[in-house]
Protein backbone atom coordinates (compact mmCIF):
# COMPACT_ATOMS: atom_id res chain seq x y z
CA MET A 1 15.36 9.14 20.61
CA LYS A 2 14.91 11.22 17.45
CA VAL A 3 13.99 9.43 14.21
CA LEU A 4 13.65 11.03 10.78
CA MET A 5 11.33 9.16 8.39
CA LEU A 6 11.47 9.63 4.62
CA PRO A 7 8.68 7.80 2.76
CA TRP A 8 8.29 7.67 -1.03
CA LEU A 9 5.80 10.27 -2.33
CA ALA A 10 2.81 7.91 -2.54
CA HIS A 11 -0.18 7.70 -0.19
CA GLY A 12 0.37 3.93 0.06
CA HIS A 13 3.82 4.68 1.52
CA ILE A 14 3.21 7.86 3.54
CA SER A 15 0.24 6.31 5.35
CA PRO A 16 2.15 3.29 6.79
CA PHE A 17 5.12 5.51 7.68
CA LEU A 18 2.68 7.74 9.61
CA GLU A 19 1.12 4.73 11.36
CA LEU A 20 4.59 3.50 12.34
CA ALA A 21 5.44 7.02 13.55
CA LYS A 22 2.34 7.02 15.78
CA ARG A 23 3.29 3.73 17.39
CA LEU A 24 6.86 4.85 18.02
CA ALA A 25 5.62 8.20 19.36
CA LYS A 26 3.67 6.27 22.00
CA LYS A 27 7.02 4.73 23.04
CA ASN A 28 8.54 8.19 23.62
CA PHE A 29 10.29 8.54 20.26
CA HIS A 30 10.33 11.96 18.58
CA ILE A 31 9.55 11.57 14.88
CA TYR A 32 10.38 13.94 12.04
CA LEU A 33 8.15 12.98 9.09
CA CYS A 34 9.76 14.35 5.94
CA SER A 35 7.84 14.81 2.68
CA THR A 36 6.66 17.40 0.16
CA SER A 37 4.23 20.15 1.08
CA VAL A 38 1.33 18.62 -0.87
CA ASN A 39 1.76 15.28 0.91
CA LEU A 40 2.18 16.79 4.37
CA SER A 41 -0.99 18.86 3.92
CA SER A 42 -2.92 15.65 3.16
CA ILE A 43 -2.02 14.15 6.57
CA LYS A 44 -1.84 17.21 8.82
CA ASN A 45 -5.29 16.50 10.29
CA LYS A 46 -3.96 13.10 11.43
CA ILE A 47 -1.07 14.61 13.42
CA THR A 48 -3.13 16.25 16.13
CA GLY A 49 -3.90 15.77 19.81
CA GLU A 50 -1.61 13.25 21.44
CA TYR A 51 0.78 13.29 18.44
CA SER A 52 1.12 17.06 17.94
CA ASP A 53 4.29 17.30 20.06
CA SER A 54 5.93 14.00 19.12
CA ILE A 55 5.41 13.85 15.33
CA GLU A 56 6.88 16.85 13.54
CA PRO A 57 6.24 17.39 9.79
CA VAL A 58 9.36 18.47 7.89
CA GLU A 59 9.03 19.81 4.36
CA LEU A 60 11.27 18.41 1.63
CA GLN A 61 11.87 20.88 -1.21
CA LEU A 62 11.80 19.33 -4.68
CA PRO A 63 13.42 21.35 -7.47
CA CYS A 64 11.10 23.19 -9.86
CA LEU A 65 10.94 21.23 -13.11
CA PRO A 66 8.90 22.57 -16.07
CA ASP A 67 6.40 19.66 -16.18
CA LEU A 68 6.16 19.23 -12.42
CA PRO A 69 4.45 22.05 -10.51
CA PRO A 70 4.18 21.62 -6.69
CA HIS A 71 0.72 19.99 -6.83
CA TYR A 72 2.38 17.14 -8.76
CA HIS A 73 4.95 16.51 -6.00
CA THR A 74 2.95 13.39 -5.10
CA THR A 75 1.83 10.26 -6.94
CA ASN A 76 -1.78 10.96 -5.96
CA GLY A 77 -3.53 11.92 -9.21
CA LEU A 78 -0.20 12.17 -11.04
CA PRO A 79 -0.57 11.55 -14.81
CA PRO A 80 1.32 8.28 -15.44
CA HIS A 81 3.66 9.84 -18.03
CA LEU A 82 5.10 12.13 -15.31
CA MET A 83 6.17 9.32 -12.93
CA THR A 84 9.78 9.29 -14.18
CA THR A 85 9.89 13.10 -13.88
CA LEU A 86 8.71 12.85 -10.26
CA LYS A 87 11.36 10.22 -9.49
CA THR A 88 14.01 12.49 -11.02
CA ALA A 89 12.87 15.51 -8.99
CA TYR A 90 12.79 13.40 -5.83
CA GLU A 91 16.37 12.30 -6.30
CA LEU A 92 17.40 15.90 -7.06
CA SER A 93 16.08 16.87 -3.61
CA ALA A 94 19.10 15.11 -2.03
CA PRO A 95 20.92 18.39 -1.20
CA ASP A 96 17.86 19.67 0.66
CA PHE A 97 17.61 16.35 2.51
CA SER A 98 21.27 16.69 3.48
CA ASN A 99 20.59 20.16 4.90
CA ILE A 100 17.62 18.79 6.86
CA LEU A 101 19.81 16.09 8.46
CA THR A 102 22.46 18.68 9.34
CA ALA A 103 19.86 20.92 10.97
CA LEU A 104 17.97 18.22 12.90
CA HIS A 105 20.71 15.62 13.42
CA PRO A 106 18.40 12.69 14.23
CA ASP A 107 19.66 9.53 15.91
CA LEU A 108 18.31 7.38 13.08
CA VAL A 109 16.93 7.69 9.53
CA VAL A 110 14.16 5.37 8.34
CA TYR A 111 13.90 5.40 4.54
CA ASP A 112 11.82 3.72 1.84
CA PHE A 113 12.40 1.10 -0.85
CA ASN A 114 13.88 3.36 -3.56
CA GLN A 115 16.19 5.78 -1.73
CA PRO A 116 19.81 4.60 -1.59
CA TRP A 117 20.81 8.29 -1.75
CA ALA A 118 19.07 8.93 1.59
CA ALA A 119 21.01 6.13 3.28
CA GLU A 120 24.28 7.37 1.75
CA ILE A 121 23.70 10.94 2.97
CA ALA A 122 22.85 9.67 6.46
CA SER A 123 25.98 7.51 6.51
CA SER A 124 28.13 10.50 5.46
CA LYS A 125 26.87 12.27 8.60
CA ASN A 126 27.44 9.21 10.84
CA ILE A 127 23.71 8.61 11.24
CA PRO A 128 22.55 4.97 10.96
CA ALA A 129 19.82 4.39 8.36
CA VAL A 130 17.29 1.55 8.24
CA GLN A 131 14.95 0.62 5.42
CA PHE A 132 11.21 0.27 6.09
CA LEU A 133 9.34 -1.72 3.45
CA PRO A 134 5.63 -0.79 3.41
CA VAL A 135 5.13 -3.76 1.06
CA GLY A 136 4.98 -7.45 1.86
CA ALA A 137 7.99 -9.62 2.66
CA THR A 138 6.65 -12.06 0.05
CA MET A 139 6.88 -9.49 -2.73
CA MET A 140 10.31 -8.30 -1.64
CA ALA A 141 11.67 -11.85 -1.34
CA PHE A 142 10.20 -12.76 -4.75
CA SER A 143 11.60 -9.62 -6.43
CA LEU A 144 15.02 -10.08 -4.86
CA HIS A 145 15.06 -13.71 -6.00
CA MET A 146 14.23 -12.67 -9.58
CA LEU A 147 16.91 -9.97 -9.58
CA LYS A 148 19.67 -12.05 -7.97
CA TYR A 149 18.89 -15.60 -9.12
CA SER A 150 17.31 -15.14 -12.55
CA GLY A 151 16.22 -18.47 -14.05
CA LYS A 152 15.99 -20.30 -10.71
CA GLU A 153 12.62 -21.33 -9.29
CA PHE A 154 11.34 -19.36 -6.30
CA PRO A 155 11.43 -21.74 -3.30
CA HIS A 156 7.70 -21.25 -2.58
CA PRO A 157 5.78 -22.55 -5.65
CA GLU A 158 2.46 -21.04 -4.54
CA ILE A 159 3.96 -17.62 -5.31
CA TYR A 160 4.47 -16.92 -9.02
CA ILE A 161 3.59 -14.40 -11.70
CA ARG A 162 1.94 -15.17 -15.02
CA ASP A 163 3.48 -14.45 -18.43
CA TYR A 164 1.40 -11.31 -19.03
CA GLU A 165 2.28 -10.07 -15.53
CA MET A 166 5.97 -10.73 -16.17
CA LEU A 167 5.85 -8.47 -19.24
CA LYS A 168 4.45 -5.64 -17.09
CA PHE A 169 7.02 -6.32 -14.37
CA GLN A 170 9.92 -6.23 -16.85
CA SER A 171 8.66 -3.06 -18.55
CA ARG A 172 8.63 -1.09 -15.28
CA ASN A 173 12.30 -0.27 -14.93
CA ASP A 174 12.67 3.50 -15.29
CA GLN A 175 16.12 5.03 -15.64
CA VAL A 176 16.69 8.03 -13.36
CA ASN A 177 20.15 9.64 -13.46
CA ASP A 178 21.47 6.57 -15.32
CA VAL A 179 20.38 4.20 -12.54
CA SER A 180 17.51 1.75 -13.14
CA ASP A 181 14.69 1.18 -10.68
CA ARG A 182 15.97 -2.36 -10.05
CA GLU A 183 19.52 -1.23 -9.32
CA ARG A 184 18.14 1.44 -6.99
CA ILE A 185 16.02 -1.09 -5.07
CA LEU A 186 19.00 -3.43 -4.63
CA GLN A 187 21.24 -0.57 -3.47
CA ALA A 188 18.63 0.69 -0.99
CA LEU A 189 18.25 -2.81 0.44
CA ASP A 190 21.99 -3.33 0.71
CA LEU A 191 22.55 -0.01 2.53
CA SER A 192 20.06 -0.72 5.32
CA CYS A 193 21.94 -0.97 8.61
CA LYS A 194 21.79 -4.64 9.73
CA ILE A 195 17.97 -4.91 9.76
CA LEU A 196 14.97 -4.49 7.44
CA LEU A 197 11.60 -3.35 8.76
CA VAL A 198 8.52 -4.82 7.06
CA LYS A 199 4.86 -3.89 7.42
CA SER A 200 3.62 -7.39 8.15
CA PHE A 201 3.17 -10.09 10.77
CA LYS A 202 4.45 -13.64 11.09
CA GLU A 203 1.10 -15.43 10.91
CA ILE A 204 0.85 -14.76 7.17
CA GLU A 205 4.47 -14.22 6.06
CA GLU A 206 6.95 -15.88 8.42
CA LYS A 207 8.47 -18.24 5.85
CA PHE A 208 8.75 -15.40 3.33
CA MET A 209 10.45 -13.22 5.93
CA ASN A 210 13.00 -16.00 6.43
CA THR A 211 13.57 -16.20 2.66
CA LEU A 212 14.01 -12.43 2.47
CA SER A 213 16.46 -12.49 5.37
CA VAL A 214 18.64 -15.09 3.65
CA ALA A 215 18.54 -13.29 0.28
CA SER A 216 19.29 -9.85 1.73
CA GLY A 217 21.69 -10.82 4.50
CA LYS A 218 19.67 -8.68 6.94
CA LYS A 219 17.54 -9.50 9.95
CA VAL A 220 13.88 -8.96 8.99
CA VAL A 221 11.87 -7.20 11.70
CA PRO A 222 8.06 -7.24 11.28
CA VAL A 223 6.32 -4.14 12.65
CA GLY A 224 2.72 -5.40 12.37
CA PRO A 225 -0.05 -4.60 9.87
CA LEU A 226 -0.18 -0.91 10.90
CA VAL A 227 -3.88 -0.49 10.13
CA GLN A 228 -5.19 2.97 11.00
CA ASP A 229 -7.73 3.39 13.78
CA VAL A 230 -11.25 4.09 12.54
CA ASN A 231 -12.76 6.93 14.55
CA ILE A 232 -16.51 6.83 13.92
CA ASP A 233 -16.94 10.29 15.47
CA ASP A 234 -14.57 11.85 12.93
CA ILE A 235 -16.70 11.65 9.80
CA GLN A 236 -17.20 14.21 7.04
CA ASP A 237 -20.56 15.09 5.46
CA GLU A 238 -19.66 13.53 2.10
CA GLU A 239 -18.70 10.31 3.89
CA MET A 240 -22.01 10.23 5.75
CA GLU A 241 -23.93 9.77 2.51
CA ILE A 242 -21.93 6.63 1.68
CA ILE A 243 -22.26 5.22 5.21
CA HIS A 244 -25.99 6.00 5.27
CA TRP A 245 -26.42 4.12 1.97
CA LEU A 246 -24.45 1.19 3.44
CA ASP A 247 -26.59 1.23 6.60
CA GLN A 248 -29.68 0.45 4.49
CA LYS A 249 -28.27 -2.82 3.12
CA GLU A 250 -28.28 -6.29 4.68
CA ASN A 251 -25.43 -7.75 6.70
CA ALA A 252 -22.37 -8.70 4.58
CA SER A 253 -24.30 -8.05 1.34
CA VAL A 254 -22.13 -5.32 -0.26
CA VAL A 255 -18.95 -5.65 -2.32
CA PHE A 256 -16.62 -2.66 -2.05
CA VAL A 257 -14.69 -1.97 -5.29
CA SER A 258 -11.58 0.21 -5.26
CA PHE A 259 -8.22 0.25 -7.03
CA GLY A 260 -6.21 2.58 -4.81
CA SER A 261 -4.94 6.10 -5.35
CA GLU A 262 -2.56 5.48 -8.26
CA TYR A 263 -4.18 3.11 -10.72
CA PHE A 264 -6.65 4.48 -13.26
CA LEU A 265 -8.83 1.91 -15.01
CA THR A 266 -8.93 1.89 -18.81
CA LYS A 267 -12.29 2.14 -20.57
CA GLU A 268 -12.15 -1.59 -21.36
CA GLU A 269 -11.43 -2.46 -17.72
CA ARG A 270 -14.26 -0.22 -16.48
CA ASN A 271 -16.65 -1.87 -18.93
CA GLU A 272 -15.74 -5.43 -17.88
CA ILE A 273 -16.00 -4.59 -14.17
CA ALA A 274 -19.33 -2.83 -14.73
CA ARG A 275 -20.72 -5.84 -16.60
CA GLY A 276 -19.38 -8.16 -13.90
CA LEU A 277 -21.09 -6.14 -11.17
CA GLU A 278 -24.31 -6.05 -13.17
CA LEU A 279 -24.25 -9.81 -13.82
CA SER A 280 -23.47 -10.60 -10.17
CA ASN A 281 -26.72 -8.95 -9.07
CA VAL A 282 -25.22 -7.92 -5.70
CA ASN A 283 -25.00 -4.56 -3.91
CA PHE A 284 -21.80 -2.61 -4.51
CA ILE A 285 -19.88 0.58 -3.76
CA TRP A 286 -17.48 1.38 -6.60
CA VAL A 287 -14.82 4.10 -6.29
CA ILE A 288 -13.76 5.41 -9.71
CA ARG A 289 -10.76 7.71 -10.06
CA PHE A 290 -9.37 9.72 -12.95
CA PRO A 291 -5.91 11.32 -13.29
CA LEU A 292 -5.67 15.07 -12.75
CA GLY A 293 -6.85 16.75 -15.93
CA GLY A 294 -8.44 13.56 -17.26
CA LYS A 295 -11.82 13.65 -15.54
CA ILE A 296 -14.99 12.67 -17.45
CA THR A 297 -18.59 12.21 -16.30
CA MET A 298 -19.71 8.87 -14.88
CA GLU A 299 -22.21 8.55 -17.74
CA GLU A 300 -19.26 8.76 -20.17
CA ALA A 301 -17.06 6.49 -18.05
CA LEU A 302 -19.54 3.60 -17.74
CA PRO A 303 -21.49 1.46 -20.24
CA GLU A 304 -24.63 3.09 -21.60
CA GLY A 305 -27.61 2.56 -19.29
CA PHE A 306 -25.51 0.91 -16.55
CA LEU A 307 -26.43 3.40 -13.82
CA GLU A 308 -30.14 3.07 -14.57
CA ARG A 309 -30.05 -0.73 -14.71
CA VAL A 310 -28.28 -1.24 -11.37
CA GLY A 311 -30.35 1.44 -9.61
CA ASP A 312 -30.05 1.61 -5.83
CA ARG A 313 -28.07 -1.60 -5.47
CA GLY A 314 -25.03 0.30 -6.75
CA LYS A 315 -23.26 3.34 -5.32
CA ILE A 316 -20.70 5.03 -7.58
CA VAL A 317 -18.21 7.26 -5.75
CA ASP A 318 -16.10 9.79 -7.62
CA GLY A 319 -12.47 9.91 -6.51
CA TRP A 320 -12.30 9.00 -2.84
CA ALA A 321 -14.19 7.03 -0.19
CA PRO A 322 -13.51 6.28 3.51
CA GLN A 323 -12.08 2.82 2.79
CA ALA A 324 -11.27 1.68 6.33
CA ARG A 325 -14.68 2.79 7.57
CA ILE A 326 -16.44 0.96 4.71
CA LEU A 327 -14.42 -2.23 5.28
CA LYS A 328 -15.19 -2.13 9.00
CA HIS A 329 -18.95 -1.80 8.37
CA ALA A 330 -20.93 -4.98 9.09
CA ASN A 331 -22.80 -4.74 5.79
CA THR A 332 -19.61 -4.95 3.71
CA GLY A 333 -19.09 -8.58 2.73
CA ALA A 334 -16.26 -8.51 0.17
CA PHE A 335 -13.54 -6.24 -1.20
CA LEU A 336 -12.80 -6.24 -4.94
CA SER A 337 -9.28 -4.85 -4.71
CA HIS A 338 -6.14 -4.14 -6.72
CA CYS A 339 -4.28 -5.86 -3.85
CA GLY A 340 -2.21 -2.93 -2.71
CA TRP A 341 -0.47 -4.03 0.49
CA SER A 342 -2.12 -1.53 2.85
CA SER A 343 -5.56 -2.34 1.41
CA MET A 344 -4.90 -6.04 1.99
CA MET A 345 -3.92 -5.41 5.61
CA GLU A 346 -7.11 -3.40 6.19
CA SER A 347 -9.28 -6.09 4.64
CA MET A 348 -7.65 -8.79 6.76
CA LYS A 349 -7.96 -6.67 9.90
CA PHE A 350 -11.70 -6.17 9.38
CA GLY A 351 -12.39 -9.76 8.29
CA VAL A 352 -13.49 -8.91 4.74
CA PRO A 353 -12.64 -11.57 2.10
CA ILE A 354 -10.84 -10.26 -0.98
CA ILE A 355 -11.66 -10.56 -4.67
CA ALA A 356 -8.15 -10.11 -6.02
CA MET A 357 -7.73 -8.04 -9.17
CA PRO A 358 -4.02 -7.11 -9.29
CA MET A 359 -3.08 -4.37 -11.74
CA SER A 360 0.62 -3.53 -11.37
CA VAL A 361 3.90 -3.64 -9.42
CA ASP A 362 3.67 -5.85 -6.30
CA GLN A 363 -0.01 -6.68 -6.68
CA PRO A 364 0.13 -10.03 -8.58
CA VAL A 365 2.38 -11.50 -5.87
CA ASN A 366 0.05 -10.11 -3.20
CA ALA A 367 -2.89 -11.76 -4.97
CA ARG A 368 -1.14 -15.17 -4.89
CA LEU A 369 -0.46 -14.68 -1.17
CA ILE A 370 -4.14 -13.87 -0.53
CA GLU A 371 -5.15 -17.17 -2.12
CA ALA A 372 -2.38 -19.07 -0.30
CA VAL A 373 -3.52 -17.66 3.06
CA GLY A 374 -7.10 -18.57 2.10
CA VAL A 375 -8.77 -15.17 2.55
CA GLY A 376 -9.60 -14.42 -1.08
CA LEU A 377 -10.00 -15.56 -4.67
CA GLU A 378 -8.82 -14.16 -8.00
CA PRO A 379 -11.04 -14.04 -11.12
CA LEU A 380 -9.31 -15.67 -14.09
CA ARG A 381 -8.31 -13.50 -17.04
CA ASP A 382 -7.72 -14.41 -20.67
CA GLU A 383 -4.24 -15.31 -21.93
CA LYS A 384 -3.42 -11.64 -22.55
CA GLY A 385 -4.42 -10.61 -19.04
CA ASN A 386 -7.71 -8.98 -20.02
CA LEU A 387 -10.55 -8.93 -17.48
CA GLN A 388 -13.60 -11.12 -18.16
CA SER A 389 -16.97 -9.91 -16.89
CA ALA A 390 -18.53 -13.38 -16.51
CA GLU A 391 -15.56 -14.56 -14.42
CA ILE A 392 -15.72 -11.40 -12.29
CA ALA A 393 -19.43 -11.98 -11.62
CA LYS A 394 -18.83 -15.65 -10.76
CA VAL A 395 -16.11 -14.88 -8.20
CA ILE A 396 -18.07 -11.99 -6.66
CA ARG A 397 -21.02 -14.31 -6.05
CA LYS A 398 -18.78 -17.10 -4.76
CA VAL A 399 -17.00 -14.87 -2.23
CA LEU A 400 -20.08 -12.90 -1.16
CA VAL A 401 -23.06 -15.26 -1.48
CA ASP A 402 -22.55 -18.83 -2.63
CA GLU A 403 -22.11 -21.77 -0.27
CA SER A 404 -18.90 -22.70 -2.14
CA GLY A 405 -17.26 -19.53 -0.78
CA GLU A 406 -17.93 -20.33 2.88
CA ASN A 407 -14.32 -21.44 3.51
CA VAL A 408 -12.95 -18.09 2.32
CA ARG A 409 -15.46 -16.14 4.42
CA ARG A 410 -14.68 -18.26 7.49
CA LYS A 411 -10.91 -17.95 7.05
CA ALA A 412 -11.17 -14.14 6.68
CA LYS A 413 -13.17 -13.94 9.89
CA GLU A 414 -10.75 -16.21 11.78
CA LEU A 415 -7.71 -14.20 10.69
CA SER A 416 -9.43 -10.96 11.73
CA GLU A 417 -10.20 -12.37 15.19
CA GLN A 418 -6.59 -13.54 15.51
CA MET A 419 -5.27 -10.08 14.57
CA GLU A 420 -7.66 -8.39 17.01
CA MET A 421 -6.62 -10.67 19.85
CA ARG A 422 -2.87 -10.32 19.35
CA GLY A 423 -2.65 -6.57 18.56
CA ASP A 424 0.74 -5.21 17.52
CA GLU A 425 2.30 -4.44 20.91
CA GLU A 426 4.70 -7.37 20.71
CA GLU A 427 6.06 -6.29 17.32
CA ILE A 428 6.39 -2.64 18.34
CA ASP A 429 8.15 -3.51 21.62
CA ASN A 430 10.55 -5.73 19.69
CA LEU A 431 11.08 -2.96 17.12
CA VAL A 432 11.86 -0.41 19.83
CA GLU A 433 14.48 -2.74 21.32
CA GLU A 434 16.03 -3.37 17.87
CA LEU A 435 16.27 0.37 17.11
CA LEU A 436 17.71 1.28 20.51
CA GLN A 437 20.26 -1.52 20.24
CA LEU A 438 21.18 -0.46 16.71
CA CYS A 439 21.81 3.14 17.74
CA ARG A 440 23.81 2.08 20.81
CA LYS A 441 26.04 -0.22 18.77
CA ASN A 442 26.35 2.10 15.80
CA ASN A 443 27.05 5.43 17.39
CA GLY A 444 28.84 7.02 14.48
CA GLY A 445 27.04 5.34 11.59
CA CYS A 446 26.62 1.78 10.41
């Protein structure tokens, strides 16, 4: 069976699509993974060996727009003011996508959260199309509830967003070709053929999957956490320095701090986090990123004297670090995270409790879920949503060191053991059956 996958142009989307492709490839599916050249080049070293024949990269041509050269055909390092331009260019690639489908004629298209045009093109060619959500069922159910039943309480009171988060949520509604982000998300959901695929598992989200199923009118099919394998033999020289530093620390004594590939901390946020880390008096690895063209030195980026004061108990990493490898390391004891969905899944998989610091989009809902599941805590902010260094330090110490955080540490370990024991074979076997059945019943579209 031939499946064409079309993820959104973000690492946090391409990576789970690739992990899903690998699992389907092991079940004798042939996968076409369609994205821009810059994104495909970032994953080409992961499509080798056993996957080189069964996962085939397919380049999607975006039109040349004045502000968007090819190295900006990705969200990775994209200056925030160009996000709407990227969305516009992506949608304008629809004719090229149509040509790709004509040339390859896959049995099925798997598309992302914001691509109703992809499903429509597939349907016009009598190819069934299914949506894969690389975000949580909780977030999707919550968002759908807000969009469809505005003013009504969400049926799960432990999931909510605060007033300052609501303002951010409402402000993120770009118009591309006279269609808003929210309209596009609803259309993409509605066009999915009978089922929705979600990157999750029932132990943490079953009731939210049921809520999403009712709200969408689709059967929700979990495909597992899709955490990448960590190959300790495949390690680069620059990664070795970080791992060597980590090796020197005590068991579960290090907090790993990272905010993903798309969020860039403001100066005020960097300062509060730096003070929080300093006050906590614990070991830390902190990954700091800057947008392309906006790079400054770490001395400029951090409070004066910070690097000298923390000394060897702190490791500052510029741009990128081997996150999964760090989280799997026995000396990592907590993850101060923006609560991106893939990062959450990795932390759960490796039994690392989470210090939740949501910054945008789905992350506040993910943070509430983390606390509801019991594997993390969120530092309180002021009424405007500003970070507070003393609160950050308090929660770091509670999750990593203090006796009062023992329940969170125990729950994180238990969930990790449960995930290890169950694997994802059951979900993938069920997914394979769903996809085969869908294509048999819908020969000629959906």
